[in-house]
Protein backbone atom coordinates (compact mmCIF):
# COMPACT_ATOMS: atom_id res chain seq x y z
CA MET A 1 0.00 0.00 0.00
CA ILE A 2 1.42 3.39 -0.97
CA ARG A 3 1.60 5.95 1.82
CA GLU A 4 2.32 9.68 1.69
CA GLU A 5 5.38 9.39 3.91
CA ASN A 6 7.47 8.32 0.93
CA GLY A 7 7.06 11.72 -0.80
CA THR A 8 4.74 10.40 -3.50
CA LEU A 9 2.59 12.97 -5.28
CA TYR A 10 -0.87 11.51 -5.86
CA GLU A 11 -2.77 12.04 -9.10
CA ILE A 12 -6.31 13.33 -8.63
CA SER A 13 -8.87 11.88 -11.04
CA PHE A 14 -12.50 12.89 -11.46
CA SER A 15 -15.24 12.64 -14.05
CA GLY A 16 -16.62 15.42 -16.21
CA PHE A 17 -19.73 15.35 -14.03
CA ILE A 18 -17.65 16.06 -10.91
CA ALA A 19 -15.84 18.89 -12.73
CA GLN A 20 -19.19 20.47 -13.58
CA GLU A 21 -20.40 19.95 -10.02
CA ILE A 22 -17.32 21.75 -8.64
CA LYS A 23 -18.05 24.71 -10.93
CA LYS A 24 -21.74 24.72 -10.02
CA LEU A 25 -20.96 24.58 -6.31
CA HIS A 26 -18.56 27.50 -6.68
CA LYS A 27 -21.29 29.53 -8.37
CA ASN A 28 -23.74 28.62 -5.60
CA ALA A 29 -21.18 29.44 -2.89
CA LYS A 30 -20.55 32.86 -4.44
CA ALA A 31 -24.29 33.54 -4.52
CA MET A 32 -24.44 32.63 -0.82
CA GLY A 33 -21.54 34.95 0.00
CA ILE A 34 -19.11 32.13 0.82
CA GLY A 35 -17.22 31.98 -2.46
CA LYS A 36 -13.87 32.78 -0.86
CA GLU A 37 -14.31 30.09 1.78
CA TYR A 38 -15.26 27.57 -0.92
CA VAL A 39 -12.12 28.30 -2.96
CA GLU A 40 -9.94 28.09 0.15
CA ALA A 41 -11.51 24.76 1.15
CA LEU A 42 -11.11 23.34 -2.35
CA THR A 43 -7.48 24.50 -2.57
CA TYR A 44 -6.69 22.94 0.80
CA ALA A 45 -8.45 19.68 -0.13
CA VAL A 46 -6.57 19.40 -3.43
CA PHE A 47 -3.24 19.95 -1.67
CA ARG A 48 -3.98 17.31 0.97
CA LEU A 49 -5.27 14.82 -1.62
CA GLN A 50 -2.09 15.22 -3.65
CA HIS A 51 0.31 15.03 -0.70
CA GLN A 52 -1.37 13.29 2.26
CA PRO A 53 -4.57 11.53 1.22
CA TRP A 54 -4.28 8.72 3.76
CA SER A 55 -4.47 11.11 6.71
CA PHE A 56 -6.99 13.53 5.18
CA GLY A 57 -10.39 11.91 5.59
CA GLU A 58 -12.27 9.32 7.55
CA LEU A 59 -12.43 5.81 6.13
CA VAL A 60 -16.01 4.86 5.30
CA SER A 61 -15.64 1.76 3.12
CA HIS A 62 -13.23 -0.58 1.37
CA LEU A 63 -13.85 -1.68 -2.22
CA LYS A 64 -11.68 -4.79 -2.14
CA VAL A 65 -11.98 -5.86 -5.78
CA ALA A 66 -11.16 -2.35 -7.05
CA LYS A 67 -8.47 -1.95 -4.36
CA LEU A 68 -9.95 1.36 -3.24
CA MET A 69 -10.32 2.82 0.23
CA VAL A 70 -13.21 5.31 0.34
CA HIS A 71 -12.90 8.32 2.63
CA VAL A 72 -15.00 11.37 3.40
CA ARG A 73 -13.89 14.76 4.73
CA ILE A 74 -15.57 18.05 5.46
CA VAL A 75 -13.60 21.24 5.01
CA LYS A 76 -16.36 23.79 5.51
CA PRO A 77 -18.17 24.64 3.38
CA LEU A 78 -17.12 21.63 1.28
CA LEU A 79 -17.79 17.93 1.73
CA ILE A 80 -15.63 15.68 -0.40
CA GLU A 81 -15.83 11.91 -0.82
CA PHE A 82 -12.84 10.26 -2.42
CA ALA A 83 -11.24 6.87 -2.96
CA ILE A 84 -7.53 6.12 -2.67
CA HIS A 85 -6.08 3.28 -4.71
CA GLU A 86 -4.21 0.83 -2.51
CA GLU A 87 -1.37 0.16 -4.96
CA LYS A 88 -1.19 3.19 -7.25
CA PRO A 89 -0.78 6.85 -6.29
CA ILE A 90 -4.24 7.84 -7.51
CA VAL A 91 -7.13 9.52 -5.71
CA PHE A 92 -10.59 9.42 -7.29
CA ILE A 93 -13.07 12.16 -6.37
CA LYS A 94 -16.47 10.50 -5.98
CA ARG A 95 -18.67 13.31 -4.65
CA VAL A 96 -18.55 16.98 -3.70
CA GLU A 97 -21.25 18.92 -1.86
CA LEU A 98 -21.74 22.18 -0.05
CA CYS A 99 -22.29 21.74 3.66
CA TYR A 100 -23.18 24.80 5.69
């Protein structure tokens, strides 16, 4: 299992749907007056997912066949669900939501 202690930079992968959702959430956050907080939360989450994904969220499930460990983390006002591959330095974004 790859761990962040070895200096590995993790690739972040997400679908076109998730990309659109991130943009939509940013628009919604700006309309709510929390656009700056949203961008700061997203920036922080991306950094942690690239550098320290194993210590970033709480483990919620293990997809054994796919070799993925699913985690969830709230960095207000953002909730992010992601899966870390057990053997490759890849993080898959599964879900993003505003939580306020």
